[in-house]
Amino acid sequence: MQDYREFLEEILITEADLQKRIAELAQEIDKDYIGEDLHLVCILRGGILFLADLMRHLKTPNTIDFMAVSSYGAGARQTTGQVRITMDLKEDINNRNVLLVEDIVDSGYTIASVVEFLNMRHPKSLKVCTLLDKPERREVEVAIHYRGFTIPNKFVFGYGLDIDEYYRNLRFIGAVNPNHYQPPD
């Protein structure tokens, strides 16, 4: 396993900036859901750190659930455009305020498919909250209601985002220098 410092091009978002923006997002969400409950749906696995920190800042009463979705093949750096639900929700979302919590929206295929899938279950409301938005890569239009950061079209990792399942534990979001990263065999 390569030390991430060998291929880190730059730190795009520091831990302090992440935490500051997540607290601001929670305030925006709280303002929109005064007097309401909220069901947070985290898309695994990348969104888990974001979900945990966001929940700690929310004052709105909330419950959580998880989905696992795949649109990337093993070792792939780009979406295939084919989205599969690999783990569905445990809770019924009929007539509930649902907030999808996602780590990154780039092509838009995954989140658009999940929104379409969940809307068939008749939530009271369904909104999207993403930590990172990469609009340069957008191939499918998707409404993003809460956005942490808009980032350039770079391959990123850290704070829940992985490279071949590693480096999720880093407290910042870094960009990969493609000239120095060697994928595992």
C-alpha atoms as a PDB file:
ATOM      1  CA  MET A   1       0.000   0.000   0.000  1.00  0.00           C
ATOM      2  CA  GLN A   2       1.368   3.327  -1.103  1.00  0.00           C
ATOM      3  CA  ASP A   3       1.681   6.190   1.393  1.00  0.00           C
ATOM      4  CA  TYR A   4      -0.806   8.823   0.219  1.00  0.00           C
ATOM      5  CA  ARG A   5       1.847  11.562   0.465  1.00  0.00           C
ATOM      6  CA  GLU A   6       3.575   9.963  -2.522  1.00  0.00           C
ATOM      7  CA  PHE A   7       0.665  10.800  -4.842  1.00  0.00           C
ATOM      8  CA  LEU A   8      -1.038  13.728  -3.092  1.00  0.00           C
ATOM      9  CA  GLU A   9      -1.083  16.587  -5.576  1.00  0.00           C
ATOM     10  CA  GLU A  10      -2.695  19.037  -3.153  1.00  0.00           C
ATOM     11  CA  ILE A  11      -5.032  19.293  -0.197  1.00  0.00           C
ATOM     12  CA  LEU A  12      -8.204  20.703  -1.726  1.00  0.00           C
ATOM     13  CA  ILE A  13     -10.177  21.057   1.513  1.00  0.00           C
ATOM     14  CA  THR A  14      -8.671  21.121   4.987  1.00  0.00           C
ATOM     15  CA  GLU A  15     -10.218  19.504   8.046  1.00  0.00           C
ATOM     16  CA  ALA A  16     -11.038  22.948   9.488  1.00  0.00           C
ATOM     17  CA  ASP A  17     -12.767  24.056   6.275  1.00  0.00           C
ATOM     18  CA  LEU A  18     -14.730  20.780   6.126  1.00  0.00           C
ATOM     19  CA  GLN A  19     -16.000  21.142   9.683  1.00  0.00           C
ATOM     20  CA  LYS A  20     -16.869  24.819   9.254  1.00  0.00           C
ATOM     21  CA  ARG A  21     -18.875  24.192   6.086  1.00  0.00           C
ATOM     22  CA  ILE A  22     -20.663  21.137   7.524  1.00  0.00           C
ATOM     23  CA  ALA A  23     -21.808  23.232  10.503  1.00  0.00           C
ATOM     24  CA  GLU A  24     -23.102  25.867   8.048  1.00  0.00           C
ATOM     25  CA  LEU A  25     -24.954  23.201   6.037  1.00  0.00           C
ATOM     26  CA  ALA A  26     -26.621  21.940   9.217  1.00  0.00           C
ATOM     27  CA  GLN A  27     -27.832  25.474   9.970  1.00  0.00           C
ATOM     28  CA  GLU A  28     -29.282  25.770   6.446  1.00  0.00           C
ATOM     29  CA  ILE A  29     -31.042  22.411   6.823  1.00  0.00           C
ATOM     30  CA  ASP A  30     -32.366  23.264  10.309  1.00  0.00           C
ATOM     31  CA  LYS A  31     -33.812  26.516   8.930  1.00  0.00           C
ATOM     32  CA  ASP A  32     -35.668  24.618   6.173  1.00  0.00           C
ATOM     33  CA  TYR A  33     -37.115  21.958   8.491  1.00  0.00           C
ATOM     34  CA  ILE A  34     -38.363  23.988  11.466  1.00  0.00           C
ATOM     35  CA  GLY A  35     -41.086  21.969  13.211  1.00  0.00           C
ATOM     36  CA  GLU A  36     -40.419  18.908  11.050  1.00  0.00           C
ATOM     37  CA  ASP A  37     -38.606  15.600  11.443  1.00  0.00           C
ATOM     38  CA  LEU A  38     -36.005  14.522   8.937  1.00  0.00           C
ATOM     39  CA  HIS A  39     -34.979  11.072   7.709  1.00  0.00           C
ATOM     40  CA  LEU A  40     -31.328  11.119   6.620  1.00  0.00           C
ATOM     41  CA  VAL A  41     -30.420   8.547   3.972  1.00  0.00           C
ATOM     42  CA  CYS A  42     -26.686   8.065   3.600  1.00  0.00           C
ATOM     43  CA  ILE A  43     -25.326   6.549   0.441  1.00  0.00           C
ATOM     44  CA  LEU A  44     -22.602   4.157   1.515  1.00  0.00           C
ATOM     45  CA  ARG A  45     -19.711   4.026   1.865  1.00  0.00           C
ATOM     46  CA  GLY A  46     -18.256   7.405   1.016  1.00  0.00           C
ATOM     47  CA  GLY A  47     -20.897   9.480   2.786  1.00  0.00           C
ATOM     48  CA  ILE A  48     -20.517   7.958   6.243  1.00  0.00           C
ATOM     49  CA  LEU A  49     -18.080  10.505   7.724  1.00  0.00           C
ATOM     50  CA  PHE A  50     -20.069  13.387   6.266  1.00  0.00           C
ATOM     51  CA  LEU A  51     -23.305  11.946   7.688  1.00  0.00           C
ATOM     52  CA  ALA A  52     -21.796  11.505  11.160  1.00  0.00           C
ATOM     53  CA  ASP A  53     -20.479  15.068  11.318  1.00  0.00           C
ATOM     54  CA  LEU A  54     -23.633  16.571   9.791  1.00  0.00           C
ATOM     55  CA  MET A  55     -25.858  14.739  12.308  1.00  0.00           C
ATOM     56  CA  ARG A  56     -23.852  16.108  15.217  1.00  0.00           C
ATOM     57  CA  HIS A  57     -24.608  19.661  14.077  1.00  0.00           C
ATOM     58  CA  LEU A  58     -28.297  19.213  13.239  1.00  0.00           C
ATOM     59  CA  LYS A  59     -30.883  20.404  15.730  1.00  0.00           C
ATOM     60  CA  THR A  60     -33.766  19.052  13.605  1.00  0.00           C
ATOM     61  CA  PRO A  61     -34.987  15.713  15.020  1.00  0.00           C
ATOM     62  CA  ASN A  62     -33.693  13.035  12.670  1.00  0.00           C
ATOM     63  CA  THR A  63     -33.451   9.344  11.989  1.00  0.00           C
ATOM     64  CA  ILE A  64     -30.990   7.618   9.682  1.00  0.00           C
ATOM     65  CA  ASP A  65     -30.924   4.875   7.113  1.00  0.00           C
ATOM     66  CA  PHE A  66     -28.447   3.633   4.543  1.00  0.00           C
ATOM     67  CA  MET A  67     -28.313   2.602   0.918  1.00  0.00           C
ATOM     68  CA  ALA A  68     -25.459   1.103  -1.047  1.00  0.00           C
ATOM     69  CA  VAL A  69     -25.332   1.952  -4.717  1.00  0.00           C
ATOM     70  CA  SER A  70     -22.806   1.031  -7.369  1.00  0.00           C
ATOM     71  CA  SER A  71     -22.102   2.664 -10.699  1.00  0.00           C
ATOM     72  CA  TYR A  72     -18.368   2.017 -10.814  1.00  0.00           C
ATOM     73  CA  GLY A  73     -16.726  -1.255 -11.761  1.00  0.00           C
ATOM     74  CA  ALA A  74     -13.900  -2.660  -9.629  1.00  0.00           C
ATOM     75  CA  GLY A  75     -10.904  -0.332  -9.788  1.00  0.00           C
ATOM     76  CA  ALA A  76     -12.763   2.078 -12.092  1.00  0.00           C
ATOM     77  CA  ARG A  77     -12.233   5.827 -11.899  1.00  0.00           C
ATOM     78  CA  GLN A  78     -15.314   6.695 -13.974  1.00  0.00           C
ATOM     79  CA  THR A  79     -18.927   5.683 -13.729  1.00  0.00           C
ATOM     80  CA  THR A  80     -20.314   3.075 -16.081  1.00  0.00           C
ATOM     81  CA  GLY A  81     -23.622   4.950 -16.096  1.00  0.00           C
ATOM     82  CA  GLN A  82     -25.353   1.724 -14.972  1.00  0.00           C
ATOM     83  CA  VAL A  83     -26.584   2.169 -11.402  1.00  0.00           C
ATOM     84  CA  ARG A  84     -27.329  -0.810  -9.159  1.00  0.00           C
ATOM     85  CA  ILE A  85     -28.893  -0.705  -5.683  1.00  0.00           C
ATOM     86  CA  THR A  86     -26.792  -3.171  -3.683  1.00  0.00           C
ATOM     87  CA  MET A  87     -28.425  -2.422  -0.319  1.00  0.00           C
ATOM     88  CA  ASP A  88     -31.875  -0.940   0.080  1.00  0.00           C
ATOM     89  CA  LEU A  89     -33.382   1.085   2.921  1.00  0.00           C
ATOM     90  CA  LYS A  90     -34.635  -0.646   6.054  1.00  0.00           C
ATOM     91  CA  GLU A  91     -37.244   2.042   6.860  1.00  0.00           C
ATOM     92  CA  ASP A  92     -40.393   3.063   5.005  1.00  0.00           C
ATOM     93  CA  ILE A  93     -40.084   6.627   3.681  1.00  0.00           C
ATOM     94  CA  ASN A  94     -43.726   7.131   2.688  1.00  0.00           C
ATOM     95  CA  ASN A  95     -44.820  10.646   3.733  1.00  0.00           C
ATOM     96  CA  ARG A  96     -41.464  11.435   5.379  1.00  0.00           C
ATOM     97  CA  ASN A  97     -39.021  14.272   4.798  1.00  0.00           C
ATOM     98  CA  VAL A  98     -35.993  12.550   3.281  1.00  0.00           C
ATOM     99  CA  LEU A  99     -32.549  14.065   2.862  1.00  0.00           C
ATOM    100  CA  LEU A 100     -30.116  12.083   0.722  1.00  0.00           C
ATOM    101  CA  VAL A 101     -26.598  12.523   2.094  1.00  0.00           C
ATOM    102  CA  GLU A 102     -23.948  11.918  -0.554  1.00  0.00           C
ATOM    103  CA  ASP A 103     -20.179  12.336  -0.588  1.00  0.00           C
ATOM    104  CA  ILE A 104     -19.785  13.559  -4.182  1.00  0.00           C
ATOM    105  CA  VAL A 105     -21.906  14.263  -7.232  1.00  0.00           C
ATOM    106  CA  ASP A 106     -19.987  14.208 -10.478  1.00  0.00           C
ATOM    107  CA  SER A 107     -21.660  12.648 -13.551  1.00  0.00           C
ATOM    108  CA  GLY A 108     -25.042  12.740 -11.777  1.00  0.00           C
ATOM    109  CA  TYR A 109     -26.062   9.205 -12.820  1.00  0.00           C
ATOM    110  CA  THR A 110     -26.000   7.731  -9.324  1.00  0.00           C
ATOM    111  CA  ILE A 111     -27.885  10.436  -7.488  1.00  0.00           C
ATOM    112  CA  ALA A 112     -30.446  10.891 -10.297  1.00  0.00           C
ATOM    113  CA  SER A 113     -31.177   7.149 -10.228  1.00  0.00           C
ATOM    114  CA  VAL A 114     -31.492   7.082  -6.440  1.00  0.00           C
ATOM    115  CA  VAL A 115     -33.829  10.105  -6.463  1.00  0.00           C
ATOM    116  CA  GLU A 116     -36.014   8.466  -9.105  1.00  0.00           C
ATOM    117  CA  PHE A 117     -36.025   5.183  -7.164  1.00  0.00           C
ATOM    118  CA  LEU A 118     -36.947   6.840  -3.844  1.00  0.00           C
ATOM    119  CA  ASN A 119     -39.603   9.109  -5.333  1.00  0.00           C
ATOM    120  CA  MET A 120     -41.570   5.963  -6.232  1.00  0.00           C
ATOM    121  CA  ARG A 121     -41.961   5.447  -2.450  1.00  0.00           C
ATOM    122  CA  HIS A 122     -43.829   8.748  -2.043  1.00  0.00           C
ATOM    123  CA  PRO A 123     -41.783  10.694   0.494  1.00  0.00           C
ATOM    124  CA  LYS A 124     -43.289  13.933   1.779  1.00  0.00           C
ATOM    125  CA  SER A 125     -40.161  15.667   0.484  1.00  0.00           C
ATOM    126  CA  LEU A 126     -36.868  14.478  -1.004  1.00  0.00           C
ATOM    127  CA  LYS A 127     -33.800  16.677  -1.144  1.00  0.00           C
ATOM    128  CA  VAL A 128     -30.122  16.092  -1.914  1.00  0.00           C
ATOM    129  CA  CYS A 129     -27.211  17.172   0.273  1.00  0.00           C
ATOM    130  CA  THR A 130     -23.751  16.549  -1.140  1.00  0.00           C
ATOM    131  CA  LEU A 131     -20.421  17.369   0.393  1.00  0.00           C
ATOM    132  CA  LEU A 132     -18.718  17.755  -2.982  1.00  0.00           C
ATOM    133  CA  ASP A 133     -20.084  18.836  -6.337  1.00  0.00           C
ATOM    134  CA  LYS A 134     -18.063  18.370  -9.511  1.00  0.00           C
ATOM    135  CA  PRO A 135     -20.215  20.152 -12.132  1.00  0.00           C
ATOM    136  CA  GLU A 136     -17.603  19.869 -14.914  1.00  0.00           C
ATOM    137  CA  ARG A 137     -18.330  16.124 -15.027  1.00  0.00           C
ATOM    138  CA  ARG A 138     -22.137  16.402 -15.036  1.00  0.00           C
ATOM    139  CA  GLU A 139     -23.806  14.255 -17.679  1.00  0.00           C
ATOM    140  CA  VAL A 140     -27.242  14.063 -16.023  1.00  0.00           C
ATOM    141  CA  GLU A 141     -29.029  17.051 -14.526  1.00  0.00           C
ATOM    142  CA  VAL A 142     -29.775  16.664 -10.842  1.00  0.00           C
ATOM    143  CA  ALA A 143     -31.129  19.115  -8.278  1.00  0.00           C
ATOM    144  CA  ILE A 144     -28.715  19.672  -5.405  1.00  0.00           C
ATOM    145  CA  HIS A 145     -30.380  21.452  -2.491  1.00  0.00           C
ATOM    146  CA  TYR A 146     -27.411  21.608  -0.112  1.00  0.00           C
ATOM    147  CA  ARG A 147     -23.830  21.740  -1.409  1.00  0.00           C
ATOM    148  CA  GLY A 148     -20.715  21.723   0.692  1.00  0.00           C
ATOM    149  CA  PHE A 149     -18.067  22.561  -1.903  1.00  0.00           C
ATOM    150  CA  THR A 150     -17.809  22.876  -5.661  1.00  0.00           C
ATOM    151  CA  ILE A 151     -14.556  21.267  -6.758  1.00  0.00           C
ATOM    152  CA  PRO A 152     -12.599  21.046 -10.027  1.00  0.00           C
ATOM    153  CA  ASN A 153     -12.555  17.914 -12.174  1.00  0.00           C
ATOM    154  CA  LYS A 154      -9.866  16.113 -10.185  1.00  0.00           C
ATOM    155  CA  PHE A 155      -9.726  12.616  -8.723  1.00  0.00           C
ATOM    156  CA  VAL A 156     -10.173  13.181  -4.974  1.00  0.00           C
ATOM    157  CA  PHE A 157      -9.822  11.079  -1.845  1.00  0.00           C
ATOM    158  CA  GLY A 158     -10.010  11.356   1.932  1.00  0.00           C
ATOM    159  CA  TYR A 159     -12.810  12.122   4.395  1.00  0.00           C
ATOM    160  CA  GLY A 160     -14.820   9.090   3.317  1.00  0.00           C
ATOM    161  CA  LEU A 161     -13.794   9.052  -0.335  1.00  0.00           C
ATOM    162  CA  ASP A 162     -11.566   6.160  -1.250  1.00  0.00           C
ATOM    163  CA  ILE A 163      -8.969   4.996  -3.679  1.00  0.00           C
ATOM    164  CA  ASP A 164      -9.509   1.247  -4.078  1.00  0.00           C
ATOM    165  CA  GLU A 165     -11.203   1.242  -0.628  1.00  0.00           C
ATOM    166  CA  TYR A 166      -8.243   2.902   1.151  1.00  0.00           C
ATOM    167  CA  TYR A 167      -7.605   6.414   2.512  1.00  0.00           C
ATOM    168  CA  ARG A 168     -11.218   7.065   3.631  1.00  0.00           C
ATOM    169  CA  ASN A 169      -9.923   7.810   7.126  1.00  0.00           C
ATOM    170  CA  LEU A 170      -8.007  10.962   6.199  1.00  0.00           C
ATOM    171  CA  ARG A 171      -9.343  14.153   7.787  1.00  0.00           C
ATOM    172  CA  PHE A 172      -8.996  16.253   4.631  1.00  0.00           C
ATOM    173  CA  ILE A 173      -9.882  15.947   0.964  1.00  0.00           C
ATOM    174  CA  GLY A 174      -6.927  15.656  -1.327  1.00  0.00           C
ATOM    175  CA  ALA A 175      -6.415  15.519  -5.076  1.00  0.00           C
ATOM    176  CA  VAL A 176      -4.449  12.689  -6.655  1.00  0.00           C
ATOM    177  CA  ASN A 177      -1.437  13.441  -8.802  1.00  0.00           C
ATOM    178  CA  PRO A 178      -2.085  10.905 -11.588  1.00  0.00           C
ATOM    179  CA  ASN A 179       1.623  10.827 -12.511  1.00  0.00           C
ATOM    180  CA  HIS A 180       2.528   9.456  -9.079  1.00  0.00           C
ATOM    181  CA  TYR A 181      -0.327   7.084  -8.188  1.00  0.00           C
ATOM    182  CA  GLN A 182       0.105   3.397  -8.980  1.00  0.00           C
ATOM    183  CA  PRO A 183      -3.095   1.329  -8.634  1.00  0.00           C
ATOM    184  CA  PRO A 184      -2.598  -1.946  -6.773  1.00  0.00           C
ATOM    185  CA  ASP A 185      -2.167  -5.094  -8.865  1.00  0.00           C
END
